Protein backbone atom coordinates (compact mmCIF):
# COMPACT_ATOMS: atom_id res chain seq x y z
CA MET A 1 9.49 4.61 -1.48
CA PRO A 2 9.44 2.41 -4.62
CA GLN A 3 8.41 4.05 -7.92
CA ASN A 4 4.75 3.68 -10.02
CA ASN A 5 3.00 2.16 -7.22
CA GLY A 6 -0.59 3.43 -8.43
CA LEU A 7 -3.21 4.42 -5.69
CA CYS A 8 -0.99 2.83 -2.86
CA GLU A 9 1.48 5.65 -3.00
CA THR A 10 -1.01 8.39 -1.62
CA CYS A 11 -3.50 6.07 0.01
CA GLN A 12 -4.24 6.24 3.88
CA TRP A 13 -3.75 2.79 4.52
CA VAL A 14 -0.26 2.23 2.94
CA ARG A 15 2.91 1.40 5.20
CA LEU A 16 6.45 0.99 4.05
CA ILE A 17 8.15 -1.85 5.15
CA ARG A 18 11.98 -2.06 5.10
CA SER A 19 13.42 -5.62 5.03
CA ASP A 20 17.02 -5.73 6.83
CA ARG A 21 18.57 -6.34 3.51
CA GLY A 22 17.27 -3.21 1.92
CA SER A 23 14.16 -4.10 0.01
CA GLU A 24 11.02 -2.18 0.64
CA PHE A 25 7.34 -3.33 0.23
CA LEU A 26 4.31 -1.74 0.46
CA LEU A 27 2.07 -3.22 3.21
CA CYS A 28 -1.99 -2.64 3.02
CA ARG A 29 -3.27 -2.24 6.54
CA TYR A 30 -6.62 -2.42 5.04
CA ALA A 31 -6.23 -6.37 4.83
CA SER A 32 -6.17 -6.65 8.45
CA GLU A 33 -9.74 -5.04 8.14
CA ASP A 34 -11.01 -7.07 5.05
CA PRO A 35 -9.27 -10.48 4.22
CA ARG A 36 -10.14 -9.84 0.70
CA TYR A 37 -7.32 -7.59 0.11
CA PRO A 38 -3.91 -8.51 -0.41
CA LYS A 39 -1.17 -7.49 2.39
CA TYR A 40 1.34 -6.99 -0.16
CA PRO A 41 -0.41 -5.99 -3.24
CA ARG A 42 0.92 -6.43 -7.01
CA LEU A 43 1.76 -2.79 -8.19
CA PRO A 44 0.85 -0.66 -9.70
CA VAL A 45 -2.66 -0.70 -8.24
CA LEU A 46 -4.76 1.45 -10.46
CA VAL A 47 -8.60 0.55 -8.94
CA CYS A 48 -9.32 -0.58 -5.53
CA ALA A 49 -12.39 0.40 -3.26
CA ALA A 50 -10.63 0.67 -0.32
CA PHE A 51 -8.46 3.46 -1.53
CA ARG A 52 -8.94 6.52 0.88
CA GLU A 53 -6.33 9.57 -0.01
CA ALA A 54 -3.99 10.18 3.02
CA ALA A 55 -4.49 13.24 4.58
CA ALA A 56 -1.60 15.99 3.82
CA SER A 57 0.87 16.50 6.40
């Protein structure tokens, strides 16, 4: 996963997307619930009202 992602790194809504060319992007799945949120936020995200800590596995 890319480094310096801020809150996205530990958020339950994040999904890592890898392109065919090897690039990595963080998809905010909350954007499908609320269109005010960007699908691919500019990193690092330091403040986000939708942030929810991911459950430890």
